[in-house]
C-alpha atoms as a PDB file:
ATOM      1  CA  MET A   1     -54.157  12.796  14.586  1.00  0.00           C
ATOM      2  CA  PRO A   2     -53.114  15.848  16.633  1.00  0.00           C
ATOM      3  CA  ARG A   3     -52.567  15.424  20.382  1.00  0.00           C
ATOM      4  CA  ILE A   4     -53.550  18.332  22.620  1.00  0.00           C
ATOM      5  CA  ALA A   5     -52.257  18.892  26.166  1.00  0.00           C
ATOM      6  CA  LEU A   6     -54.293  20.959  28.618  1.00  0.00           C
ATOM      7  CA  GLY A   7     -53.699  22.629  31.972  1.00  0.00           C
ATOM      8  CA  LEU A   8     -56.724  22.627  34.273  1.00  0.00           C
ATOM      9  CA  GLU A   9     -57.630  24.051  37.645  1.00  0.00           C
ATOM     10  CA  TYR A  10     -60.720  23.212  39.646  1.00  0.00           C
ATOM     11  CA  ASP A  11     -62.494  23.343  42.977  1.00  0.00           C
ATOM     12  CA  GLY A  12     -63.266  19.704  43.705  1.00  0.00           C
ATOM     13  CA  THR A  13     -65.851  20.357  46.418  1.00  0.00           C
ATOM     14  CA  ARG A  14     -68.934  19.201  44.540  1.00  0.00           C
ATOM     15  CA  TYR A  15     -67.315  16.460  42.458  1.00  0.00           C
ATOM     16  CA  VAL A  16     -66.661  12.765  43.093  1.00  0.00           C
ATOM     17  CA  GLY A  17     -63.113  13.315  41.877  1.00  0.00           C
ATOM     18  CA  TRP A  18     -61.448  13.360  38.480  1.00  0.00           C
ATOM     19  CA  GLN A  19     -62.596  10.017  37.136  1.00  0.00           C
ATOM     20  CA  SER A  20     -65.961   9.645  35.446  1.00  0.00           C
ATOM     21  CA  GLN A  21     -68.566   7.663  37.379  1.00  0.00           C
ATOM     22  CA  ALA A  22     -72.000   6.868  35.975  1.00  0.00           C
ATOM     23  CA  GLY A  23     -74.648   9.259  37.201  1.00  0.00           C
ATOM     24  CA  LEU A  24     -72.246  11.341  39.300  1.00  0.00           C
ATOM     25  CA  ALA A  25     -70.539  14.682  38.716  1.00  0.00           C
ATOM     26  CA  SER A  26     -66.829  14.329  37.935  1.00  0.00           C
ATOM     27  CA  ILE A  27     -64.151  16.661  36.601  1.00  0.00           C
ATOM     28  CA  GLN A  28     -63.400  14.330  33.697  1.00  0.00           C
ATOM     29  CA  ALA A  29     -67.044  14.191  32.612  1.00  0.00           C
ATOM     30  CA  VAL A  30     -67.643  17.949  32.588  1.00  0.00           C
ATOM     31  CA  ALA A  31     -64.300  18.656  30.873  1.00  0.00           C
ATOM     32  CA  GLU A  32     -64.866  16.014  28.194  1.00  0.00           C
ATOM     33  CA  ALA A  33     -68.384  17.294  27.545  1.00  0.00           C
ATOM     34  CA  ALA A  34     -67.140  20.870  27.101  1.00  0.00           C
ATOM     35  CA  LEU A  35     -64.256  19.889  24.809  1.00  0.00           C
ATOM     36  CA  SER A  36     -66.487  17.611  22.768  1.00  0.00           C
ATOM     37  CA  ARG A  37     -68.737  20.566  21.984  1.00  0.00           C
ATOM     38  CA  VAL A  38     -65.744  22.549  20.725  1.00  0.00           C
ATOM     39  CA  ALA A  39     -64.430  19.597  18.710  1.00  0.00           C
ATOM     40  CA  ASP A  40     -67.821  18.518  17.328  1.00  0.00           C
ATOM     41  CA  GLU A  41     -66.798  14.972  18.183  1.00  0.00           C
ATOM     42  CA  ALA A  42     -66.333  12.865  21.320  1.00  0.00           C
ATOM     43  CA  VAL A  43     -63.206  13.684  23.314  1.00  0.00           C
ATOM     44  CA  THR A  44     -61.598  11.381  25.901  1.00  0.00           C
ATOM     45  CA  LEU A  45     -59.160  12.849  28.413  1.00  0.00           C
ATOM     46  CA  THR A  46     -56.182  11.191  30.089  1.00  0.00           C
ATOM     47  CA  CYS A  47     -54.930  13.057  33.170  1.00  0.00           C
ATOM     48  CA  ALA A  48     -51.648  13.244  35.055  1.00  0.00           C
ATOM     49  CA  GLY A  49     -53.170  12.470  38.455  1.00  0.00           C
ATOM     50  CA  ARG A  50     -56.659  11.231  39.337  1.00  0.00           C
ATOM     51  CA  THR A  51     -57.726  13.417  42.237  1.00  0.00           C
ATOM     52  CA  ASP A  52     -60.296  12.102  44.729  1.00  0.00           C
ATOM     53  CA  ALA A  53     -63.658  13.489  45.834  1.00  0.00           C
ATOM     54  CA  GLY A  54     -63.325  16.962  47.326  1.00  0.00           C
ATOM     55  CA  VAL A  55     -59.682  17.388  46.248  1.00  0.00           C
ATOM     56  CA  HIS A  56     -58.746  20.480  44.248  1.00  0.00           C
ATOM     57  CA  ALA A  57     -56.210  21.160  41.498  1.00  0.00           C
ATOM     58  CA  ALA A  58     -54.204  24.225  40.579  1.00  0.00           C
ATOM     59  CA  GLY A  59     -52.032  22.432  38.027  1.00  0.00           C
ATOM     60  CA  GLN A  60     -53.732  19.334  36.650  1.00  0.00           C
ATOM     61  CA  VAL A  61     -52.562  18.287  33.165  1.00  0.00           C
ATOM     62  CA  ALA A  62     -54.443  16.129  30.673  1.00  0.00           C
ATOM     63  CA  HIS A  63     -54.250  15.214  27.004  1.00  0.00           C
ATOM     64  CA  PHE A  64     -56.557  14.039  24.230  1.00  0.00           C
ATOM     65  CA  ASP A  65     -56.377  13.123  20.544  1.00  0.00           C
ATOM     66  CA  CYS A  66     -58.729  14.830  18.126  1.00  0.00           C
ATOM     67  CA  ALA A  67     -59.015  15.307  14.372  1.00  0.00           C
ATOM     68  CA  ALA A  68     -60.590  18.753  14.776  1.00  0.00           C
ATOM     69  CA  LEU A  69     -58.259  21.665  14.109  1.00  0.00           C
ATOM     70  CA  ARG A  70     -58.506  24.477  16.645  1.00  0.00           C
ATOM     71  CA  THR A  71     -56.002  27.032  17.921  1.00  0.00           C
ATOM     72  CA  PRO A  72     -54.765  26.631  21.505  1.00  0.00           C
ATOM     73  CA  ARG A  73     -56.784  29.724  22.403  1.00  0.00           C
ATOM     74  CA  GLY A  74     -59.809  28.222  20.671  1.00  0.00           C
ATOM     75  CA  TRP A  75     -59.596  25.010  22.715  1.00  0.00           C
ATOM     76  CA  ALA A  76     -59.208  26.803  26.049  1.00  0.00           C
ATOM     77  CA  LEU A  77     -61.678  29.653  25.621  1.00  0.00           C
ATOM     78  CA  GLY A  78     -64.164  27.559  23.676  1.00  0.00           C
ATOM     79  CA  ALA A  79     -64.285  24.837  26.320  1.00  0.00           C
ATOM     80  CA  ASN A  80     -64.489  27.343  29.165  1.00  0.00           C
ATOM     81  CA  THR A  81     -67.704  28.767  27.758  1.00  0.00           C
ATOM     82  CA  HIS A  82     -69.275  25.336  28.366  1.00  0.00           C
ATOM     83  CA  LEU A  83     -67.634  24.590  31.737  1.00  0.00           C
ATOM     84  CA  PRO A  84     -69.086  25.348  35.181  1.00  0.00           C
ATOM     85  CA  SER A  85     -67.439  28.189  37.086  1.00  0.00           C
ATOM     86  CA  ASP A  86     -65.492  25.823  39.370  1.00  0.00           C
ATOM     87  CA  VAL A  87     -63.564  24.179  36.501  1.00  0.00           C
ATOM     88  CA  SER A  88     -61.285  26.013  34.070  1.00  0.00           C
ATOM     89  CA  ILE A  89     -58.927  25.118  31.245  1.00  0.00           C
ATOM     90  CA  VAL A  90     -56.010  27.487  31.759  1.00  0.00           C
ATOM     91  CA  TRP A  91     -53.900  26.618  28.716  1.00  0.00           C
ATOM     92  CA  ALA A  92     -53.803  24.300  25.710  1.00  0.00           C
ATOM     93  CA  ARG A  93     -50.886  23.189  23.536  1.00  0.00           C
ATOM     94  CA  GLU A  94     -50.449  20.833  20.609  1.00  0.00           C
ATOM     95  CA  VAL A  95     -47.810  18.272  21.610  1.00  0.00           C
ATOM     96  CA  ALA A  96     -45.981  15.373  20.031  1.00  0.00           C
ATOM     97  CA  GLU A  97     -47.831  12.094  19.688  1.00  0.00           C
ATOM     98  CA  ALA A  98     -45.384  10.539  22.171  1.00  0.00           C
ATOM     99  CA  PHE A  99     -46.488  12.904  24.950  1.00  0.00           C
ATOM    100  CA  HIS A 100     -48.563  11.325  27.705  1.00  0.00           C
ATOM    101  CA  ALA A 101     -49.964  13.407  30.569  1.00  0.00           C
ATOM    102  CA  ARG A 102     -49.228  10.684  33.127  1.00  0.00           C
ATOM    103  CA  HIS A 103     -46.275   8.748  31.749  1.00  0.00           C
ATOM    104  CA  SER A 104     -44.282  11.782  30.549  1.00  0.00           C
ATOM    105  CA  ALA A 105     -44.406  13.421  33.996  1.00  0.00           C
ATOM    106  CA  THR A 106     -41.236  13.244  36.058  1.00  0.00           C
ATOM    107  CA  ALA A 107     -42.804  14.259  39.389  1.00  0.00           C
ATOM    108  CA  ARG A 108     -45.913  15.696  40.996  1.00  0.00           C
ATOM    109  CA  THR A 109     -46.314  18.268  43.749  1.00  0.00           C
ATOM    110  CA  TYR A 110     -49.254  18.369  46.134  1.00  0.00           C
ATOM    111  CA  ARG A 111     -49.994  21.041  48.708  1.00  0.00           C
ATOM    112  CA  TYR A 112     -52.049  20.539  51.858  1.00  0.00           C
ATOM    113  CA  TYR A 113     -53.406  23.690  53.508  1.00  0.00           C
ATOM    114  CA  ILE A 114     -54.392  23.881  57.179  1.00  0.00           C
ATOM    115  CA  CYS A 115     -56.028  26.839  58.897  1.00  0.00           C
ATOM    116  CA  ASN A 116     -54.789  26.453  62.466  1.00  0.00           C
ATOM    117  CA  ARG A 117     -56.760  28.757  64.732  1.00  0.00           C
ATOM    118  CA  GLY A 118     -59.592  28.676  67.227  1.00  0.00           C
ATOM    119  CA  SER A 119     -62.204  30.168  64.903  1.00  0.00           C
ATOM    120  CA  ARG A 120     -63.184  28.747  61.550  1.00  0.00           C
ATOM    121  CA  ALA A 121     -62.076  30.394  58.292  1.00  0.00           C
ATOM    122  CA  ALA A 122     -65.275  31.486  56.544  1.00  0.00           C
ATOM    123  CA  LEU A 123     -63.531  32.608  53.344  1.00  0.00           C
ATOM    124  CA  ALA A 124     -61.631  29.340  52.998  1.00  0.00           C
ATOM    125  CA  ALA A 125     -64.590  27.021  53.630  1.00  0.00           C
ATOM    126  CA  GLY A 126     -64.158  23.872  51.562  1.00  0.00           C
ATOM    127  CA  ARG A 127     -60.673  24.905  50.419  1.00  0.00           C
ATOM    128  CA  ALA A 128     -58.601  24.276  53.537  1.00  0.00           C
ATOM    129  CA  THR A 129     -58.683  21.962  56.537  1.00  0.00           C
ATOM    130  CA  MET A 130     -59.523  23.475  59.925  1.00  0.00           C
ATOM    131  CA  ILE A 131     -57.512  22.351  62.942  1.00  0.00           C
ATOM    132  CA  HIS A 132     -58.495  24.279  66.083  1.00  0.00           C
ATOM    133  CA  GLN A 133     -55.899  22.755  68.443  1.00  0.00           C
ATOM    134  CA  PRO A 134     -52.452  24.420  68.161  1.00  0.00           C
ATOM    135  CA  LEU A 135     -50.009  22.547  65.934  1.00  0.00           C
ATOM    136  CA  ASP A 136     -46.270  22.379  66.581  1.00  0.00           C
ATOM    137  CA  GLU A 137     -44.762  22.599  63.104  1.00  0.00           C
ATOM    138  CA  ALA A 138     -41.233  21.858  64.411  1.00  0.00           C
ATOM    139  CA  ARG A 139     -42.369  18.440  65.645  1.00  0.00           C
ATOM    140  CA  MET A 140     -44.174  17.831  62.365  1.00  0.00           C
ATOM    141  CA  ARG A 141     -41.087  18.795  60.385  1.00  0.00           C
ATOM    142  CA  GLU A 142     -38.905  16.456  62.450  1.00  0.00           C
ATOM    143  CA  GLY A 143     -41.199  13.524  61.762  1.00  0.00           C
ATOM    144  CA  ALA A 144     -41.564  14.368  58.071  1.00  0.00           C
ATOM    145  CA  MET A 145     -37.839  14.077  57.358  1.00  0.00           C
ATOM    146  CA  THR A 146     -38.073  10.304  57.811  1.00  0.00           C
ATOM    147  CA  LEU A 147     -40.145  10.030  54.657  1.00  0.00           C
ATOM    148  CA  ILE A 148     -37.671  11.638  52.261  1.00  0.00           C
ATOM    149  CA  GLY A 149     -36.194   9.175  49.774  1.00  0.00           C
ATOM    150  CA  GLU A 150     -37.363   5.914  48.224  1.00  0.00           C
ATOM    151  CA  HIS A 151     -39.480   3.741  50.507  1.00  0.00           C
ATOM    152  CA  ASP A 152     -42.217   1.168  50.633  1.00  0.00           C
ATOM    153  CA  PHE A 153     -45.198   3.404  51.488  1.00  0.00           C
ATOM    154  CA  SER A 154     -47.649   0.561  52.170  1.00  0.00           C
ATOM    155  CA  ALA A 155     -48.513   2.124  55.541  1.00  0.00           C
ATOM    156  CA  PHE A 156     -49.639   5.299  53.754  1.00  0.00           C
ATOM    157  CA  ARG A 157     -51.804   3.791  50.998  1.00  0.00           C
ATOM    158  CA  SER A 158     -55.534   3.155  51.148  1.00  0.00           C
ATOM    159  CA  ALA A 159     -57.036  -0.315  51.105  1.00  0.00           C
ATOM    160  CA  GLU A 160     -58.522   0.552  47.692  1.00  0.00           C
ATOM    161  CA  CYS A 161     -55.144   1.460  46.150  1.00  0.00           C
ATOM    162  CA  GLN A 162     -54.665  -0.430  42.879  1.00  0.00           C
ATOM    163  CA  SER A 163     -50.997   0.380  42.295  1.00  0.00           C
ATOM    164  CA  ARG A 164     -48.887  -2.702  41.603  1.00  0.00           C
ATOM    165  CA  SER A 165     -45.989  -1.417  43.709  1.00  0.00           C
ATOM    166  CA  PRO A 166     -46.050   0.532  47.003  1.00  0.00           C
ATOM    167  CA  VAL A 167     -42.552   1.894  46.398  1.00  0.00           C
ATOM    168  CA  ARG A 168     -42.321   5.622  45.725  1.00  0.00           C
ATOM    169  CA  ARG A 169     -39.536   8.224  45.711  1.00  0.00           C
ATOM    170  CA  LEU A 170     -40.412  11.221  47.858  1.00  0.00           C
ATOM    171  CA  ASP A 171     -38.143  14.091  46.798  1.00  0.00           C
ATOM    172  CA  ALA A 172     -39.281  16.845  49.162  1.00  0.00           C
ATOM    173  CA  LEU A 173     -41.646  17.386  52.080  1.00  0.00           C
ATOM    174  CA  GLY A 174     -41.744  20.963  53.349  1.00  0.00           C
ATOM    175  CA  ILE A 175     -43.772  22.341  56.255  1.00  0.00           C
ATOM    176  CA  GLU A 176     -44.116  26.084  56.738  1.00  0.00           C
ATOM    177  CA  ARG A 177     -46.249  28.353  58.900  1.00  0.00           C
ATOM    178  CA  ARG A 178     -47.544  31.800  57.978  1.00  0.00           C
ATOM    179  CA  GLY A 179     -49.564  33.104  60.905  1.00  0.00           C
ATOM    180  CA  ASP A 180     -52.686  30.981  61.247  1.00  0.00           C
ATOM    181  CA  TRP A 181     -51.827  28.966  58.152  1.00  0.00           C
ATOM    182  CA  LEU A 182     -49.782  25.806  57.867  1.00  0.00           C
ATOM    183  CA  LEU A 183     -48.692  24.461  54.492  1.00  0.00           C
ATOM    184  CA  LEU A 184     -47.409  20.977  53.699  1.00  0.00           C
ATOM    185  CA  GLU A 185     -45.813  20.655  50.259  1.00  0.00           C
ATOM    186  CA  VAL A 186     -44.924  17.182  49.000  1.00  0.00           C
ATOM    187  CA  THR A 187     -43.115  16.266  45.790  1.00  0.00           C
ATOM    188  CA  ALA A 188     -42.650  12.684  44.609  1.00  0.00           C
ATOM    189  CA  ASN A 189     -42.208  10.751  41.385  1.00  0.00           C
ATOM    190  CA  ALA A 190     -45.764   9.443  41.903  1.00  0.00           C
ATOM    191  CA  PHE A 191     -48.266   8.935  44.715  1.00  0.00           C
ATOM    192  CA  LEU A 192     -50.345   6.072  46.046  1.00  0.00           C
ATOM    193  CA  HIS A 193     -54.076   6.410  46.700  1.00  0.00           C
ATOM    194  CA  HIS A 194     -54.605   8.684  49.756  1.00  0.00           C
ATOM    195  CA  MET A 195     -50.826   8.814  50.313  1.00  0.00           C
ATOM    196  CA  VAL A 196     -50.618  12.581  50.866  1.00  0.00           C
ATOM    197  CA  ARG A 197     -53.709  12.687  53.083  1.00  0.00           C
ATOM    198  CA  ASN A 198     -52.406   9.785  55.172  1.00  0.00           C
ATOM    199  CA  ILE A 199     -49.040  11.510  55.580  1.00  0.00           C
ATOM    200  CA  ALA A 200     -50.825  14.723  56.544  1.00  0.00           C
ATOM    201  CA  GLY A 201     -53.016  12.871  59.048  1.00  0.00           C
ATOM    202  CA  LEU A 202     -50.018  11.408  60.870  1.00  0.00           C
ATOM    203  CA  LEU A 203     -48.114  14.706  60.881  1.00  0.00           C
ATOM    204  CA  ILE A 204     -51.177  16.514  62.254  1.00  0.00           C
ATOM    205  CA  ALA A 205     -51.357  13.980  65.096  1.00  0.00           C
ATOM    206  CA  ILE A 206     -47.676  14.636  65.827  1.00  0.00           C
ATOM    207  CA  GLY A 207     -48.247  18.399  65.719  1.00  0.00           C
ATOM    208  CA  GLN A 208     -51.080  17.993  68.237  1.00  0.00           C
ATOM    209  CA  GLY A 209     -48.829  16.036  70.584  1.00  0.00           C
ATOM    210  CA  LYS A 210     -50.789  12.796  70.162  1.00  0.00           C
ATOM    211  CA  SER A 211     -47.726  11.011  68.758  1.00  0.00           C
ATOM    212  CA  GLU A 212     -43.970  11.540  68.865  1.00  0.00           C
ATOM    213  CA  PRO A 213     -41.970  12.400  65.710  1.00  0.00           C
ATOM    214  CA  ARG A 214     -40.341   8.952  65.829  1.00  0.00           C
ATOM    215  CA  ARG A 215     -43.781   7.474  65.196  1.00  0.00           C
ATOM    216  CA  VAL A 216     -43.392   8.275  61.483  1.00  0.00           C
ATOM    217  CA  ARG A 217     -40.502   5.818  61.150  1.00  0.00           C
ATOM    218  CA  GLU A 218     -42.388   3.179  63.139  1.00  0.00           C
ATOM    219  CA  VAL A 219     -45.421   3.493  60.875  1.00  0.00           C
ATOM    220  CA  LEU A 220     -43.315   3.541  57.692  1.00  0.00           C
ATOM    221  CA  GLU A 221     -41.379   0.435  58.674  1.00  0.00           C
ATOM    222  CA  SER A 222     -44.539  -1.425  59.721  1.00  0.00           C
ATOM    223  CA  ARG A 223     -45.866  -1.310  56.134  1.00  0.00           C
ATOM    224  CA  ASP A 224     -49.279  -1.566  57.798  1.00  0.00           C
ATOM    225  CA  ARG A 225     -51.935   1.087  57.136  1.00  0.00           C
ATOM    226  CA  THR A 226     -53.705   0.274  60.426  1.00  0.00           C
ATOM    227  CA  GLN A 227     -50.656   1.604  62.318  1.00  0.00           C
ATOM    228  CA  GLY A 228     -51.109   5.134  60.946  1.00  0.00           C
ATOM    229  CA  ALA A 229     -53.343   8.005  61.973  1.00  0.00           C
ATOM    230  CA  ALA A 230     -56.711   8.944  60.505  1.00  0.00           C
ATOM    231  CA  THR A 231     -56.723  10.097  56.891  1.00  0.00           C
ATOM    232  CA  ALA A 232     -56.733  13.904  56.718  1.00  0.00           C
ATOM    233  CA  PRO A 233     -59.819  15.545  55.127  1.00  0.00           C
ATOM    234  CA  PRO A 234     -59.788  16.118  51.350  1.00  0.00           C
ATOM    235  CA  GLU A 235     -60.634  19.835  51.300  1.00  0.00           C
ATOM    236  CA  GLY A 236     -57.093  20.908  52.209  1.00  0.00           C
ATOM    237  CA  LEU A 237     -55.448  19.008  49.357  1.00  0.00           C
ATOM    238  CA  TYR A 238     -54.400  20.474  45.984  1.00  0.00           C
ATOM    239  CA  LEU A 239     -52.658  18.910  43.020  1.00  0.00           C
ATOM    240  CA  TRP A 240     -50.366  21.887  42.698  1.00  0.00           C
ATOM    241  CA  ARG A 241     -48.036  21.060  39.842  1.00  0.00           C
ATOM    242  CA  VAL A 242     -47.123  18.260  37.459  1.00  0.00           C
ATOM    243  CA  HIS A 243     -43.451  18.327  36.472  1.00  0.00           C
ATOM    244  CA  TYR A 244     -42.325  17.605  32.906  1.00  0.00           C
ATOM    245  CA  PRO A 245     -38.983  17.834  31.086  1.00  0.00           C
ATOM    246  CA  ALA A 246     -38.284  21.455  30.143  1.00  0.00           C
ATOM    247  CA  ALA A 247     -37.768  20.412  26.520  1.00  0.00           C
ATOM    248  CA  LEU A 248     -41.522  19.827  26.185  1.00  0.00           C
ATOM    249  CA  GLY A 249     -42.118  23.551  26.628  1.00  0.00           C
ATOM    250  CA  LEU A 250     -45.253  23.225  28.761  1.00  0.00           C
ATOM    251  CA  PRO A 251     -46.273  26.193  30.925  1.00  0.00           C
ATOM    252  CA  ASN A 252     -45.056  26.364  34.528  1.00  0.00           C
ATOM    253  CA  ARG A 253     -47.531  28.269  36.697  1.00  0.00           C
ATOM    254  CA  ASP A 254     -45.917  27.407  40.024  1.00  0.00           C
ATOM    255  CA  ALA A 255     -45.401  31.048  41.082  1.00  0.00           C
ATOM    256  CA  ARG A 256     -49.055  32.185  41.003  1.00  0.00           C
ATOM    257  CA  PRO A 257     -50.525  33.742  44.185  1.00  0.00           C
ATOM    258  CA  THR A 258     -52.165  31.209  46.474  1.00  0.00           C
ATOM    259  CA  SER A 259     -54.564  33.763  47.943  1.00  0.00           C
ATOM    260  CA  VAL A 260     -56.478  33.882  44.663  1.00  0.00           C
ATOM    261  CA  MET A 261     -57.661  30.345  45.382  1.00  0.00           C
ATOM    262  CA  ILE A 262     -57.691  30.453  49.182  1.00  0.00           C
ATOM    263  CA  PRO A 263     -58.840  33.869  50.466  1.00  0.00           C
ATOM    264  CA  GLY A 264     -57.106  34.946  53.649  1.00  0.00           C
ATOM    265  CA  LEU A 265     -53.893  33.036  52.968  1.00  0.00           C
ATOM    266  CA  PRO A 266     -50.778  35.232  52.635  1.00  0.00           C
ATOM    267  CA  ASP A 267     -49.285  35.183  49.144  1.00  0.00           C
ATOM    268  CA  SER A 268     -45.874  34.512  50.659  1.00  0.00           C
ATOM    269  CA  ALA A 269     -46.958  31.161  52.079  1.00  0.00           C
ATOM    270  CA  GLY A 270     -44.925  28.401  50.491  1.00  0.00           C
ATOM    271  CA  CYS A 271     -42.218  25.856  51.094  1.00  0.00           C
ATOM    272  CA  ASP A 272     -39.790  27.044  48.423  1.00  0.00           C
END
């Protein structure tokens, strides 16, 4: 039976997250319903990363098995005619049976966007986090460096996290300012539940002067979530890219302009 991989983007504002929940609007449910209409049979999606309520995606990847024969263009355009305007299938590819959206991924990149100014950003409502107090990105960057490498991230996981191991390898954590905008970009082999938002929450506290940069190491070594800062809001968080071996030939859309999704943000903003 053919296996189809998909690239999706979505505004998570009005959804309970990726995963289907009875009686509630989820990304998985609306995407499966749309694809099932194209396939004329039930479709079940497996995704690369289960985003939470209010979290967005620019580069989510999922796969499904289906006996129906459709062209890649047919899958993408056909499903999009049945999807709401805040969810889109960007590409589709037939892949080998061994491909798995989650297990075949080598890393994932999340971006967290902060509008850091005294007035609120009307055009970015629901798509970025507002912090009115000035943030010192140099202090935030100093604290962030502690997290690079393989660590026990128990202090940055939620109480509801179901992962068997708290150990993760964080490959990069960049912090960059472009005018009123601050961008945190985090790449790791995998993430724990609320891990990025908990990291962002602590770095925001450091940027506000509420904690010193050394506090990151203290929290990390405590392995105790209660030692950290408040979890940052979901609206600033994006699943930006899922990394796969180049040999798989999946599209890489990492260079697309950010301002298309977040009006008012300079296209040059990034941590590359």
